[in-house]
């Protein structure tokens, strides 16, 4: 999964904004990033908005982005933000 995120740099920004900022993107299959994310199984349509497909992908992407940010800023302290899950 991380291999695809690094191969498709477009997949870096949208999942980060969804996970960390709670941003909503309208789900439209003609959007390049949404199309690639759906093809790879990372993104799904949730009531008309793009969302991370499942909790496993969510936690893996969250962990990857946190470690990537920590590696790029050595010595900086990061606070782990609580993630509120909505169970379906």
PDB file of N, CA and C in Angstrom:
ATOM      1  N   UNK A   1       0.805  -1.182   0.000  1.00  0.00           N
ATOM      2  CA  UNK A   1       0.000   0.000   0.000  1.00  0.00           C
ATOM      3  C   UNK A   1       0.862   1.265   0.000  1.00  0.00           C
ATOM      4  N   UNK A   2       1.886   1.293   0.813  1.00  0.00           N
ATOM      5  CA  UNK A   2       2.762   2.465   0.871  1.00  0.00           C
ATOM      6  C   UNK A   2       3.499   2.637  -0.455  1.00  0.00           C
ATOM      7  N   UNK A   3       3.789   1.539  -1.127  1.00  0.00           N
ATOM      8  CA  UNK A   3       4.450   1.608  -2.429  1.00  0.00           C
ATOM      9  C   UNK A   3       3.603   2.417  -3.413  1.00  0.00           C
ATOM     10  N   UNK A   4       2.304   2.162  -3.426  1.00  0.00           N
ATOM     11  CA  UNK A   4       1.432   2.893  -4.340  1.00  0.00           C
ATOM     12  C   UNK A   4       1.343   4.372  -3.963  1.00  0.00           C
ATOM     13  N   UNK A   5       1.346   4.662  -2.671  1.00  0.00           N
ATOM     14  CA  UNK A   5       1.278   6.064  -2.246  1.00  0.00           C
ATOM     15  C   UNK A   5       2.532   6.810  -2.685  1.00  0.00           C
ATOM     16  N   UNK A   6       3.681   6.145  -2.634  1.00  0.00           N
ATOM     17  CA  UNK A   6       4.910   6.801  -3.065  1.00  0.00           C
ATOM     18  C   UNK A   6       5.005   6.872  -4.587  1.00  0.00           C
ATOM     19  N   UNK A   7       4.429   5.890  -5.286  1.00  0.00           N
ATOM     20  CA  UNK A   7       4.449   5.913  -6.753  1.00  0.00           C
ATOM     21  C   UNK A   7       3.492   6.954  -7.327  1.00  0.00           C
ATOM     22  N   UNK A   8       2.396   7.204  -6.629  1.00  0.00           N
ATOM     23  CA  UNK A   8       1.408   8.191  -7.061  1.00  0.00           C
ATOM     24  C   UNK A   8       1.415   9.346  -6.059  1.00  0.00           C
ATOM     25  N   UNK A   9       2.242  10.356  -6.283  1.00  0.00           N
ATOM     26  CA  UNK A   9       2.329  11.461  -5.313  1.00  0.00           C
ATOM     27  C   UNK A   9       1.011  12.196  -5.113  1.00  0.00           C
ATOM     28  N   UNK A  10       0.084  12.069  -6.072  1.00  0.00           N
ATOM     29  CA  UNK A  10      -1.226  12.701  -5.916  1.00  0.00           C
ATOM     30  C   UNK A  10      -1.969  12.137  -4.713  1.00  0.00           C
ATOM     31  N   UNK A  11      -1.654  10.878  -4.358  1.00  0.00           N
ATOM     32  CA  UNK A  11      -2.335  10.225  -3.238  1.00  0.00           C
ATOM     33  C   UNK A  11      -1.796  10.661  -1.878  1.00  0.00           C
ATOM     34  N   UNK A  12      -0.839  11.543  -1.839  1.00  0.00           N
ATOM     35  CA  UNK A  12      -0.320  12.020  -0.559  1.00  0.00           C
ATOM     36  C   UNK A  12      -1.214  13.080   0.066  1.00  0.00           C
ATOM     37  N   UNK A  13      -1.653  14.035  -0.710  1.00  0.00           N
ATOM     38  CA  UNK A  13      -2.335  15.205  -0.158  1.00  0.00           C
ATOM     39  C   UNK A  13      -3.770  14.908   0.262  1.00  0.00           C
ATOM     40  N   UNK A  14      -4.558  14.285  -0.617  1.00  0.00           N
ATOM     41  CA  UNK A  14      -5.963  14.058  -0.295  1.00  0.00           C
ATOM     42  C   UNK A  14      -6.159  13.190   0.947  1.00  0.00           C
ATOM     43  N   UNK A  15      -5.523  12.014   1.053  1.00  0.00           N
ATOM     44  CA  UNK A  15      -5.710  11.225   2.287  1.00  0.00           C
ATOM     45  C   UNK A  15      -5.231  11.946   3.544  1.00  0.00           C
ATOM     46  N   UNK A  16      -4.150  12.733   3.436  1.00  0.00           N
ATOM     47  CA  UNK A  16      -3.693  13.501   4.599  1.00  0.00           C
ATOM     48  C   UNK A  16      -4.743  14.518   5.023  1.00  0.00           C
ATOM     49  N   UNK A  17      -5.334  15.196   4.069  1.00  0.00           N
ATOM     50  CA  UNK A  17      -6.362  16.182   4.395  1.00  0.00           C
ATOM     51  C   UNK A  17      -7.608  15.525   4.978  1.00  0.00           C
ATOM     52  N   UNK A  18      -7.952  14.354   4.478  1.00  0.00           N
ATOM     53  CA  UNK A  18      -9.106  13.635   5.014  1.00  0.00           C
ATOM     54  C   UNK A  18      -8.826  13.167   6.436  1.00  0.00           C
ATOM     55  N   UNK A  19      -7.650  12.591   6.664  1.00  0.00           N
ATOM     56  CA  UNK A  19      -7.331  12.016   7.971  1.00  0.00           C
ATOM     57  C   UNK A  19      -7.009  13.063   9.032  1.00  0.00           C
ATOM     58  N   UNK A  20      -6.189  14.040   8.705  1.00  0.00           N
ATOM     59  CA  UNK A  20      -5.700  14.979   9.703  1.00  0.00           C
ATOM     60  C   UNK A  20      -6.543  16.243   9.841  1.00  0.00           C
ATOM     61  N   UNK A  21      -7.143  16.685   8.755  1.00  0.00           N
ATOM     62  CA  UNK A  21      -7.887  17.940   8.784  1.00  0.00           C
ATOM     63  C   UNK A  21      -9.393  17.751   8.703  1.00  0.00           C
ATOM     64  N   UNK A  22      -9.828  16.536   8.423  1.00  0.00           N
ATOM     65  CA  UNK A  22     -11.257  16.260   8.325  1.00  0.00           C
ATOM     66  C   UNK A  22     -11.917  16.901   7.127  1.00  0.00           C
ATOM     67  N   UNK A  23     -11.126  17.192   6.104  1.00  0.00           N
ATOM     68  CA  UNK A  23     -11.668  17.838   4.912  1.00  0.00           C
ATOM     69  C   UNK A  23     -12.547  16.865   4.140  1.00  0.00           C
ATOM     70  N   UNK A  24     -13.550  17.408   3.494  1.00  0.00           N
ATOM     71  CA  UNK A  24     -14.439  16.611   2.661  1.00  0.00           C
ATOM     72  C   UNK A  24     -14.185  16.935   1.199  1.00  0.00           C
ATOM     73  N   UNK A  25     -14.053  15.894   0.413  1.00  0.00           N
ATOM     74  CA  UNK A  25     -13.910  16.034  -1.035  1.00  0.00           C
ATOM     75  C   UNK A  25     -15.119  15.369  -1.673  1.00  0.00           C
ATOM     76  N   UNK A  26     -15.795  16.046  -2.587  1.00  0.00           N
ATOM     77  CA  UNK A  26     -16.910  15.385  -3.265  1.00  0.00           C
ATOM     78  C   UNK A  26     -16.386  14.222  -4.097  1.00  0.00           C
ATOM     79  N   UNK A  27     -17.070  13.078  -3.980  1.00  0.00           N
ATOM     80  CA  UNK A  27     -16.638  11.895  -4.713  1.00  0.00           C
ATOM     81  C   UNK A  27     -17.098  12.024  -6.158  1.00  0.00           C
ATOM     82  N   UNK A  28     -16.131  12.061  -7.054  1.00  0.00           N
ATOM     83  CA  UNK A  28     -16.425  12.102  -8.481  1.00  0.00           C
ATOM     84  C   UNK A  28     -15.393  11.245  -9.192  1.00  0.00           C
ATOM     85  N   UNK A  29     -15.867  10.249  -9.913  1.00  0.00           N
ATOM     86  CA  UNK A  29     -14.935   9.282 -10.518  1.00  0.00           C
ATOM     87  C   UNK A  29     -14.030   9.878 -11.587  1.00  0.00           C
ATOM     88  N   UNK A  30     -14.333  11.071 -12.076  1.00  0.00           N
ATOM     89  CA  UNK A  30     -13.474  11.697 -13.081  1.00  0.00           C
ATOM     90  C   UNK A  30     -12.336  12.510 -12.468  1.00  0.00           C
ATOM     91  N   UNK A  31     -12.337  12.667 -11.150  1.00  0.00           N
ATOM     92  CA  UNK A  31     -11.220  13.298 -10.454  1.00  0.00           C
ATOM     93  C   UNK A  31     -10.058  12.306 -10.468  1.00  0.00           C
ATOM     94  N   UNK A  32      -8.904  12.744 -10.931  1.00  0.00           N
ATOM     95  CA  UNK A  32      -7.759  11.841 -11.116  1.00  0.00           C
ATOM     96  C   UNK A  32      -7.346  11.152  -9.820  1.00  0.00           C
ATOM     97  N   UNK A  33      -7.237  11.908  -8.737  1.00  0.00           N
ATOM     98  CA  UNK A  33      -6.799  11.338  -7.462  1.00  0.00           C
ATOM     99  C   UNK A  33      -7.825  10.342  -6.935  1.00  0.00           C
ATOM    100  N   UNK A  34      -9.092  10.690  -6.999  1.00  0.00           N
ATOM    101  CA  UNK A  34     -10.143   9.784  -6.536  1.00  0.00           C
ATOM    102  C   UNK A  34     -10.184   8.533  -7.395  1.00  0.00           C
ATOM    103  N   UNK A  35     -10.004   8.692  -8.692  1.00  0.00           N
ATOM    104  CA  UNK A  35     -10.000   7.539  -9.594  1.00  0.00           C
ATOM    105  C   UNK A  35      -8.859   6.580  -9.259  1.00  0.00           C
ATOM    106  N   UNK A  36      -7.659   7.107  -9.053  1.00  0.00           N
ATOM    107  CA  UNK A  36      -6.514   6.257  -8.707  1.00  0.00           C
ATOM    108  C   UNK A  36      -6.728   5.612  -7.339  1.00  0.00           C
ATOM    109  N   UNK A  37      -7.172   6.397  -6.362  1.00  0.00           N
ATOM    110  CA  UNK A  37      -7.417   5.864  -5.025  1.00  0.00           C
ATOM    111  C   UNK A  37      -8.478   4.789  -5.007  1.00  0.00           C
ATOM    112  N   UNK A  38      -9.528   4.949  -5.799  1.00  0.00           N
ATOM    113  CA  UNK A  38     -10.577   3.935  -5.891  1.00  0.00           C
ATOM    114  C   UNK A  38     -10.055   2.685  -6.578  1.00  0.00           C
ATOM    115  N   UNK A  39      -9.278   2.870  -7.643  1.00  0.00           N
ATOM    116  CA  UNK A  39      -8.705   1.741  -8.366  1.00  0.00           C
ATOM    117  C   UNK A  39      -7.813   0.900  -7.449  1.00  0.00           C
ATOM    118  N   UNK A  40      -7.056   1.571  -6.573  1.00  0.00           N
ATOM    119  CA  UNK A  40      -6.156   0.865  -5.657  1.00  0.00           C
ATOM    120  C   UNK A  40      -6.860   0.383  -4.393  1.00  0.00           C
ATOM    121  N   UNK A  41      -8.096   0.808  -4.184  1.00  0.00           N
ATOM    122  CA  UNK A  41      -8.868   0.361  -3.035  1.00  0.00           C
ATOM    123  C   UNK A  41      -8.697   1.206  -1.785  1.00  0.00           C
ATOM    124  N   UNK A  42      -8.048   2.367  -1.877  1.00  0.00           N
ATOM    125  CA  UNK A  42      -7.829   3.213  -0.703  1.00  0.00           C
ATOM    126  C   UNK A  42      -9.004   4.153  -0.441  1.00  0.00           C
ATOM    127  N   UNK A  43      -9.674   4.581  -1.504  1.00  0.00           N
ATOM    128  CA  UNK A  43     -10.728   5.582  -1.413  1.00  0.00           C
ATOM    129  C   UNK A  43     -12.057   4.935  -1.784  1.00  0.00           C
ATOM    130  N   UNK A  44     -13.112   5.359  -1.076  1.00  0.00           N
ATOM    131  CA  UNK A  44     -14.456   4.880  -1.397  1.00  0.00           C
ATOM    132  C   UNK A  44     -15.420   6.047  -1.379  1.00  0.00           C
ATOM    133  N   UNK A  45     -16.602   5.811  -1.918  1.00  0.00           N
ATOM    134  CA  UNK A  45     -17.671   6.800  -1.908  1.00  0.00           C
ATOM    135  C   UNK A  45     -18.490   6.592  -0.641  1.00  0.00           C
ATOM    136  N   UNK A  46     -18.501   7.587   0.218  1.00  0.00           N
ATOM    137  CA  UNK A  46     -19.289   7.511   1.449  1.00  0.00           C
ATOM    138  C   UNK A  46     -20.248   8.688   1.468  1.00  0.00           C
ATOM    139  N   UNK A  47     -21.481   8.420   1.065  1.00  0.00           N
ATOM    140  CA  UNK A  47     -22.536   9.425   1.029  1.00  0.00           C
ATOM    141  C   UNK A  47     -22.149  10.638   0.189  1.00  0.00           C
ATOM    142  N   UNK A  48     -21.517  10.387  -0.948  1.00  0.00           N
ATOM    143  CA  UNK A  48     -21.157  11.449  -1.878  1.00  0.00           C
ATOM    144  C   UNK A  48     -19.820  12.111  -1.610  1.00  0.00           C
ATOM    145  N   UNK A  49     -19.112  11.682  -0.567  1.00  0.00           N
ATOM    146  CA  UNK A  49     -17.801  12.253  -0.242  1.00  0.00           C
ATOM    147  C   UNK A  49     -16.743  11.161  -0.323  1.00  0.00           C
ATOM    148  N   UNK A  50     -15.533  11.549  -0.685  1.00  0.00           N
ATOM    149  CA  UNK A  50     -14.415  10.603  -0.721  1.00  0.00           C
ATOM    150  C   UNK A  50     -13.985  10.312   0.711  1.00  0.00           C
ATOM    151  N   UNK A  51     -13.755   9.031   0.997  1.00  0.00           N
ATOM    152  CA  UNK A  51     -13.332   8.617   2.335  1.00  0.00           C
ATOM    153  C   UNK A  51     -12.327   7.489   2.200  1.00  0.00           C
ATOM    154  N   UNK A  52     -11.507   7.300   3.235  1.00  0.00           N
ATOM    155  CA  UNK A  52     -10.577   6.172   3.260  1.00  0.00           C
ATOM    156  C   UNK A  52     -11.422   4.912   3.381  1.00  0.00           C
ATOM    157  N   UNK A  53     -11.085   3.887   2.608  1.00  0.00           N
ATOM    158  CA  UNK A  53     -11.917   2.699   2.448  1.00  0.00           C
ATOM    159  C   UNK A  53     -12.270   1.975   3.735  1.00  0.00           C
ATOM    160  N   UNK A  54     -11.279   1.750   4.581  1.00  0.00           N
ATOM    161  CA  UNK A  54     -11.555   1.009   5.810  1.00  0.00           C
ATOM    162  C   UNK A  54     -10.581   1.421   6.902  1.00  0.00           C
ATOM    163  N   UNK A  55     -10.808   0.930   8.107  1.00  0.00           N
ATOM    164  CA  UNK A  55      -9.998   1.346   9.253  1.00  0.00           C
ATOM    165  C   UNK A  55      -8.559   0.858   9.159  1.00  0.00           C
ATOM    166  N   UNK A  56      -8.350  -0.283   8.536  1.00  0.00           N
ATOM    167  CA  UNK A  56      -6.977  -0.793   8.393  1.00  0.00           C
ATOM    168  C   UNK A  56      -6.170   0.157   7.526  1.00  0.00           C
ATOM    169  N   UNK A  57      -6.700   0.536   6.365  1.00  0.00           N
ATOM    170  CA  UNK A  57      -6.010   1.494   5.504  1.00  0.00           C
ATOM    171  C   UNK A  57      -5.852   2.829   6.213  1.00  0.00           C
ATOM    172  N   UNK A  58      -6.870   3.240   6.947  1.00  0.00           N
ATOM    173  CA  UNK A  58      -6.819   4.515   7.660  1.00  0.00           C
ATOM    174  C   UNK A  58      -5.656   4.534   8.654  1.00  0.00           C
ATOM    175  N   UNK A  59      -5.528   3.486   9.437  1.00  0.00           N
ATOM    176  CA  UNK A  59      -4.454   3.441  10.442  1.00  0.00           C
ATOM    177  C   UNK A  59      -3.078   3.319   9.786  1.00  0.00           C
ATOM    178  N   UNK A  60      -2.963   2.542   8.712  1.00  0.00           N
ATOM    179  CA  UNK A  60      -1.687   2.408   8.009  1.00  0.00           C
ATOM    180  C   UNK A  60      -1.271   3.738   7.392  1.00  0.00           C
ATOM    181  N   UNK A  61      -2.193   4.416   6.737  1.00  0.00           N
ATOM    182  CA  UNK A  61      -1.872   5.711   6.140  1.00  0.00           C
ATOM    183  C   UNK A  61      -1.559   6.743   7.218  1.00  0.00           C
ATOM    184  N   UNK A  62      -2.342   6.753   8.289  1.00  0.00           N
ATOM    185  CA  UNK A  62      -2.102   7.676   9.395  1.00  0.00           C
ATOM    186  C   UNK A  62      -0.695   7.472   9.956  1.00  0.00           C
ATOM    187  N   UNK A  63      -0.330   6.226  10.210  1.00  0.00           N
ATOM    188  CA  UNK A  63       0.985   5.906  10.753  1.00  0.00           C
ATOM    189  C   UNK A  63       2.092   6.310   9.777  1.00  0.00           C
ATOM    190  N   UNK A  64       1.909   6.019   8.496  1.00  0.00           N
ATOM    191  CA  UNK A  64       2.902   6.356   7.480  1.00  0.00           C
ATOM    192  C   UNK A  64       3.129   7.862   7.414  1.00  0.00           C
ATOM    193  N   UNK A  65       2.033   8.634   7.368  1.00  0.00           N
ATOM    194  CA  UNK A  65       2.167  10.084   7.270  1.00  0.00           C
ATOM    195  C   UNK A  65       2.792  10.675   8.532  1.00  0.00           C
ATOM    196  N   UNK A  66       2.468  10.132   9.697  1.00  0.00           N
ATOM    197  CA  UNK A  66       3.064  10.620  10.949  1.00  0.00           C
ATOM    198  C   UNK A  66       4.568  10.338  10.970  1.00  0.00           C
ATOM    199  N   UNK A  67       4.981   9.139  10.588  1.00  0.00           N
ATOM    200  CA  UNK A  67       6.401   8.798  10.581  1.00  0.00           C
ATOM    201  C   UNK A  67       7.158   9.599   9.526  1.00  0.00           C
ATOM    202  N   UNK A  68       6.515   9.828   8.396  1.00  0.00           N
ATOM    203  CA  UNK A  68       7.130  10.633   7.341  1.00  0.00           C
ATOM    204  C   UNK A  68       7.348  12.069   7.828  1.00  0.00           C
ATOM    205  N   UNK A  69       6.361  12.634   8.523  1.00  0.00           N
ATOM    206  CA  UNK A  69       6.493  13.995   9.052  1.00  0.00           C
ATOM    207  C   UNK A  69       7.553  14.050  10.142  1.00  0.00           C
ATOM    208  N   UNK A  70       7.608  13.045  10.988  1.00  0.00           N
ATOM    209  CA  UNK A  70       8.599  13.019  12.066  1.00  0.00           C
ATOM    210  C   UNK A  70      10.011  12.890  11.507  1.00  0.00           C
ATOM    211  N   UNK A  71      10.183  12.113  10.451  1.00  0.00           N
ATOM    212  CA  UNK A  71      11.503  11.931   9.851  1.00  0.00           C
ATOM    213  C   UNK A  71      11.982  13.200   9.156  1.00  0.00           C
ATOM    214  N   UNK A  72      11.037  13.992   8.631  1.00  0.00           N
ATOM    215  CA  UNK A  72      11.432  15.204   7.916  1.00  0.00           C
ATOM    216  C   UNK A  72      11.694  16.372   8.867  1.00  0.00           C
ATOM    217  N   UNK A  73      11.313  16.234  10.136  1.00  0.00           N
ATOM    218  CA  UNK A  73      11.534  17.314  11.109  1.00  0.00           C
ATOM    219  C   UNK A  73      12.137  16.733  12.385  1.00  0.00           C
ATOM    220  N   UNK A  74      13.415  16.341  12.340  1.00  0.00           N
ATOM    221  CA  UNK A  74      14.013  15.744  13.538  1.00  0.00           C
ATOM    222  C   UNK A  74      14.060  16.735  14.697  1.00  0.00           C
ATOM    223  N   UNK A  75      13.784  16.232  15.882  1.00  0.00           N
ATOM    224  CA  UNK A  75      13.808  17.058  17.073  1.00  0.00           C
ATOM    225  C   UNK A  75      12.499  17.751  17.382  1.00  0.00           C
ATOM    226  N   UNK A  76      11.586  17.761  16.433  1.00  0.00           N
ATOM    227  CA  UNK A  76      10.293  18.390  16.660  1.00  0.00           C
ATOM    228  C   UNK A  76       9.387  17.396  17.373  1.00  0.00           C
ATOM    229  N   UNK A  77       8.640  17.858  18.361  1.00  0.00           N
ATOM    230  CA  UNK A  77       7.746  16.978  19.108  1.00  0.00           C
ATOM    231  C   UNK A  77       6.373  17.009  18.460  1.00  0.00           C
ATOM    232  N   UNK A  78       5.818  15.830  18.232  1.00  0.00           N
ATOM    233  CA  UNK A  78       4.492  15.699  17.654  1.00  0.00           C
ATOM    234  C   UNK A  78       3.539  15.159  18.701  1.00  0.00           C
ATOM    235  N   UNK A  79       2.360  15.728  18.753  1.00  0.00           N
ATOM    236  CA  UNK A  79       1.334  15.219  19.645  1.00  0.00           C
ATOM    237  C   UNK A  79       0.414  14.323  18.849  1.00  0.00           C
ATOM    238  N   UNK A  80       0.140  13.160  19.395  1.00  0.00           N
ATOM    239  CA  UNK A  80      -0.753  12.235  18.708  1.00  0.00           C
ATOM    240  C   UNK A  80      -2.188  12.713  18.895  1.00  0.00           C
ATOM    241  N   UNK A  81      -2.853  12.913  17.800  1.00  0.00           N
ATOM    242  CA  UNK A  81      -4.230  13.395  17.824  1.00  0.00           C
ATOM    243  C   UNK A  81      -5.169  12.206  17.911  1.00  0.00           C
ATOM    244  N   UNK A  82      -6.158  12.322  18.758  1.00  0.00           N
ATOM    245  CA  UNK A  82      -7.147  11.255  18.873  1.00  0.00           C
ATOM    246  C   UNK A  82      -7.992  11.231  17.604  1.00  0.00           C
ATOM    247  N   UNK A  83      -8.245  10.052  17.120  1.00  0.00           N
ATOM    248  CA  UNK A  83      -9.086   9.879  15.939  1.00  0.00           C
ATOM    249  C   UNK A  83     -10.441   9.384  16.402  1.00  0.00           C
ATOM    250  N   UNK A  84     -11.471  10.082  16.014  1.00  0.00           N
ATOM    251  CA  UNK A  84     -12.817   9.667  16.345  1.00  0.00           C
ATOM    252  C   UNK A  84     -13.353   8.818  15.199  1.00  0.00           C
ATOM    253  N   UNK A  85     -13.722   7.591  15.502  1.00  0.00           N
ATOM    254  CA  UNK A  85     -14.235   6.682  14.494  1.00  0.00           C
ATOM    255  C   UNK A  85     -15.752   6.700  14.505  1.00  0.00           C
ATOM    256  N   UNK A  86     -16.294   6.599  13.326  1.00  0.00           N
ATOM    257  CA  UNK A  86     -17.727   6.441  13.191  1.00  0.00           C
ATOM    258  C   UNK A  86     -17.968   5.035  12.688  1.00  0.00           C
ATOM    259  N   UNK A  87     -18.573   4.235  13.541  1.00  0.00           N
ATOM    260  CA  UNK A  87     -18.807   2.846  13.169  1.00  0.00           C
ATOM    261  C   UNK A  87     -20.049   2.765  12.311  1.00  0.00           C
ATOM    262  N   UNK A  88     -19.915   1.993  11.255  1.00  0.00           N
ATOM    263  CA  UNK A  88     -21.024   1.862  10.311  1.00  0.00           C
ATOM    264  C   UNK A  88     -21.937   0.731  10.719  1.00  0.00           C
TER     265      UNK A  88
END
